[in-house]
Protein backbone atom coordinates (compact mmCIF):
# COMPACT_ATOMS: atom_id res chain seq x y z
CA UNK A 1 20.22 60.78 -26.75
CA UNK A 2 17.32 58.31 -26.81
CA UNK A 3 15.79 57.27 -30.05
CA UNK A 4 12.30 56.28 -31.10
CA UNK A 5 12.97 52.60 -30.23
CA UNK A 6 13.70 53.60 -26.60
CA UNK A 7 10.38 55.56 -26.61
CA UNK A 8 8.43 52.60 -27.98
CA UNK A 9 10.02 50.22 -25.45
CA UNK A 10 8.94 52.60 -22.71
CA UNK A 11 5.39 52.66 -23.92
CA UNK A 12 5.38 48.88 -24.08
CA UNK A 13 6.76 48.61 -20.54
CA UNK A 14 4.12 50.91 -19.18
CA UNK A 15 1.37 48.98 -20.93
CA UNK A 16 2.76 45.69 -19.76
CA UNK A 17 3.34 46.80 -16.12
CA UNK A 18 -0.15 48.32 -15.75
CA UNK A 19 -1.81 45.20 -17.23
CA UNK A 20 0.35 42.58 -15.39
CA UNK A 21 0.18 44.19 -11.99
CA UNK A 22 -3.32 45.53 -12.48
CA UNK A 23 -2.10 48.79 -10.96
CA UNK A 24 -4.47 51.57 -10.16
CA UNK A 25 -2.07 54.32 -11.00
CA UNK A 26 -4.63 57.00 -10.30
CA UNK A 27 -4.84 55.89 -6.65
CA UNK A 28 -1.09 55.47 -6.45
CA UNK A 29 -0.66 58.94 -7.77
CA UNK A 30 -3.00 60.34 -5.12
CA UNK A 31 -1.04 58.43 -2.49
CA UNK A 32 2.23 59.78 -3.87
CA UNK A 33 0.88 63.37 -3.34
CA UNK A 34 -0.14 62.50 0.19
CA UNK A 35 3.34 61.18 0.83
CA UNK A 36 4.85 64.39 -0.57
CA UNK A 37 2.82 66.34 2.01
CA UNK A 38 3.92 63.95 4.85
CA UNK A 39 7.49 64.65 3.89
CA UNK A 40 6.75 68.38 4.06
CA UNK A 41 5.11 67.96 7.46
CA UNK A 42 8.21 66.12 8.72
CA UNK A 43 10.35 69.13 7.55
CA UNK A 44 8.02 71.66 9.27
CA UNK A 45 7.91 69.71 12.47
CA UNK A 46 11.75 69.68 12.57
CA UNK A 47 11.98 73.42 12.05
CA UNK A 48 9.20 74.16 14.46
CA UNK A 49 10.94 72.03 17.15
CA UNK A 50 14.19 73.98 16.59
CA UNK A 51 12.51 77.43 16.45
CA UNK A 52 10.31 76.97 19.51
CA UNK A 53 12.67 74.84 21.57
CA UNK A 54 9.75 72.39 22.21
CA UNK A 55 11.80 69.52 20.87
CA UNK A 56 10.21 66.65 22.80
CA UNK A 57 6.73 67.60 21.69
CA UNK A 58 7.49 68.19 18.02
CA UNK A 59 9.95 65.36 17.62
CA UNK A 60 7.44 62.92 18.89
CA UNK A 61 4.92 64.16 16.30
CA UNK A 62 7.70 64.00 13.64
CA UNK A 63 8.32 60.36 14.64
CA UNK A 64 4.63 59.49 14.14
CA UNK A 65 4.43 61.25 10.81
CA UNK A 66 7.62 59.66 9.60
CA UNK A 67 6.26 56.20 10.49
CA UNK A 68 3.09 56.91 8.57
CA UNK A 69 5.05 58.12 5.60
CA UNK A 70 7.23 55.01 5.57
CA UNK A 71 4.13 52.76 5.74
CA UNK A 72 2.48 54.57 2.87
CA UNK A 73 5.65 54.64 0.80
CA UNK A 74 5.84 50.84 0.99
CA UNK A 75 2.50 50.71 -0.83
CA UNK A 76 3.98 52.43 -3.86
CA UNK A 77 7.67 51.32 -3.67
CA UNK A 78 7.06 47.52 -3.69
CA UNK A 79 10.38 46.29 -5.01
CA UNK A 80 13.63 48.16 -4.47
CA UNK A 81 17.32 47.61 -4.15
CA UNK A 82 20.10 49.74 -2.83
CA UNK A 83 19.35 53.42 -2.72
CA UNK A 84 16.06 53.26 -4.66
CA UNK A 85 13.95 53.81 -1.44
CA UNK A 86 15.84 57.05 -0.61
CA UNK A 87 16.11 58.17 -4.19
CA UNK A 88 12.33 57.75 -4.54
CA UNK A 89 11.66 59.70 -1.29
CA UNK A 90 13.90 62.53 -2.45
CA UNK A 91 12.48 62.66 -5.94
CA UNK A 92 8.97 63.14 -4.34
CA UNK A 93 10.28 65.69 -1.96
CA UNK A 94 12.07 67.58 -4.77
CA UNK A 95 9.01 67.52 -6.99
CA UNK A 96 6.81 68.85 -4.18
CA UNK A 97 9.28 71.66 -3.32
CA UNK A 98 9.65 72.72 -6.94
CA UNK A 99 5.79 72.81 -7.20
CA UNK A 100 5.65 75.06 -4.18
CA UNK A 101 8.34 77.38 -5.58
CA UNK A 102 6.45 77.44 -8.86
CA UNK A 103 3.23 78.34 -7.14
CA UNK A 104 4.89 81.23 -5.23
CA UNK A 105 6.43 82.47 -8.45
CA UNK A 106 3.02 82.24 -10.16
CA UNK A 107 1.52 84.32 -7.29
CA UNK A 108 4.19 87.00 -7.91
CA UNK A 109 3.27 87.19 -11.52
CA UNK A 110 6.47 85.48 -12.72
CA UNK A 111 4.75 83.09 -15.00
CA UNK A 112 7.75 82.03 -17.09
CA UNK A 113 9.87 81.22 -14.04
CA UNK A 114 6.87 79.43 -12.48
CA UNK A 115 6.49 77.21 -15.61
CA UNK A 116 10.16 76.34 -15.54
CA UNK A 117 9.75 75.16 -11.91
CA UNK A 118 6.62 73.27 -12.72
CA UNK A 119 8.35 71.50 -15.70
CA UNK A 120 11.28 70.47 -13.49
CA UNK A 121 8.88 69.23 -10.76
CA UNK A 122 7.03 67.15 -13.32
CA UNK A 123 10.27 65.62 -14.59
CA UNK A 124 11.41 64.65 -11.08
CA UNK A 125 7.85 63.20 -10.50
CA UNK A 126 8.03 61.26 -13.72
CA UNK A 127 11.48 59.93 -12.88
CA UNK A 128 10.04 58.70 -9.58
CA UNK A 129 7.32 56.70 -11.47
CA UNK A 130 9.77 55.48 -14.15
CA UNK A 131 11.96 54.02 -11.50
CA UNK A 132 9.15 52.52 -9.42
CA UNK A 133 7.34 51.06 -12.35
CA UNK A 134 10.56 49.46 -13.39
CA UNK A 135 10.47 51.32 -16.63
CA UNK A 136 14.10 52.19 -16.06
CA UNK A 137 16.69 50.96 -13.65
CA UNK A 138 18.64 53.35 -11.45
CA UNK A 139 21.86 52.25 -13.14
CA UNK A 140 20.41 53.15 -16.50
CA UNK A 141 19.79 56.68 -15.31
CA UNK A 142 23.60 57.18 -15.29
CA UNK A 143 24.19 55.16 -18.45
CA UNK A 144 21.60 57.20 -20.40
CA UNK A 145 23.02 60.44 -19.04
CA UNK A 146 19.73 61.16 -17.22
CA UNK A 147 21.44 62.84 -14.30
CA UNK A 148 19.38 65.96 -13.61
CA UNK A 149 22.15 68.55 -14.10
CA UNK A 150 23.31 66.95 -17.35
CA UNK A 151 19.76 66.63 -18.72
CA UNK A 152 19.11 70.39 -18.03
CA UNK A 153 22.38 71.47 -19.64
CA UNK A 154 21.58 69.34 -22.69
CA UNK A 155 18.06 70.75 -22.90
CA UNK A 156 19.30 74.27 -22.80
CA UNK A 157 22.07 73.47 -25.35
CA UNK A 158 19.61 71.77 -27.72
CA UNK A 159 16.72 74.12 -26.96
CA UNK A 160 14.33 71.69 -28.55
CA UNK A 161 16.39 71.32 -31.72
CA UNK A 162 14.84 69.48 -34.60
CA UNK A 163 16.39 66.30 -35.83
CA UNK A 164 17.12 65.55 -39.47
CA UNK A 165 13.52 64.46 -40.09
CA UNK A 166 12.19 67.78 -38.66
CA UNK A 167 10.85 66.20 -35.47
CA UNK A 168 11.45 67.61 -32.00
CA UNK A 169 14.63 66.16 -30.56
CA UNK A 170 13.74 65.43 -26.88
CA UNK A 171 15.89 64.19 -24.07
CA UNK A 172 15.30 60.74 -22.67
CA UNK A 173 13.83 62.16 -19.48
CA UNK A 174 11.36 64.28 -21.49
CA UNK A 175 10.29 61.15 -23.32
CA UNK A 176 9.79 59.34 -20.04
CA UNK A 177 7.69 62.26 -18.84
CA UNK A 178 5.55 62.04 -22.06
CA UNK A 179 5.04 58.29 -21.63
CA UNK A 180 3.95 58.68 -18.02
CA UNK A 181 1.46 61.44 -18.94
CA UNK A 182 -0.29 58.77 -20.98
CA UNK A 183 -0.13 56.15 -18.20
CA UNK A 184 -1.03 58.11 -15.14
CA UNK A 185 -4.30 59.83 -15.16
CA UNK A 186 -5.59 61.02 -11.77
CA UNK A 187 -8.98 61.66 -13.28
CA UNK A 188 -9.71 57.99 -13.93
CA UNK A 189 -12.30 56.72 -11.53
């Protein structure tokens, strides 16, 4: 479980990264949403090719969309090692799909289930930014027990238990999400 020192270090890292790199996180956030949609288009082109049998036509479009997605992803994922590129792509794809599931649940009047999907989507999106702003390293994810399944099980077990001081006892991933809410504001012009 992360402590308040970890949380403070995360806040300091976000401040330092945004000042040093002079990042326009609002533009990068917009770009990340566009990339999510390109990933979705790639998936739809694949399924359309298979369903219609017009593979040459749709696979050529898929190749063009994939190339565009890769070029745009390079604008956000500037420095990476090992599997960070793929992890980042899959975090964005997961976030997008969970948002879509949440939206469908919302449309069915299943508000509680929708909120759960939205919360999970936001955690995956926050993890994408935490990794790509070098707030955390991928190897720290495992060290801090941030693996998604373990984090969810821990959250359910703790169910927002209070610590000895009466403060909410959050998981590390929840704290990362809170920090990024402060750092990334799509409404900044």
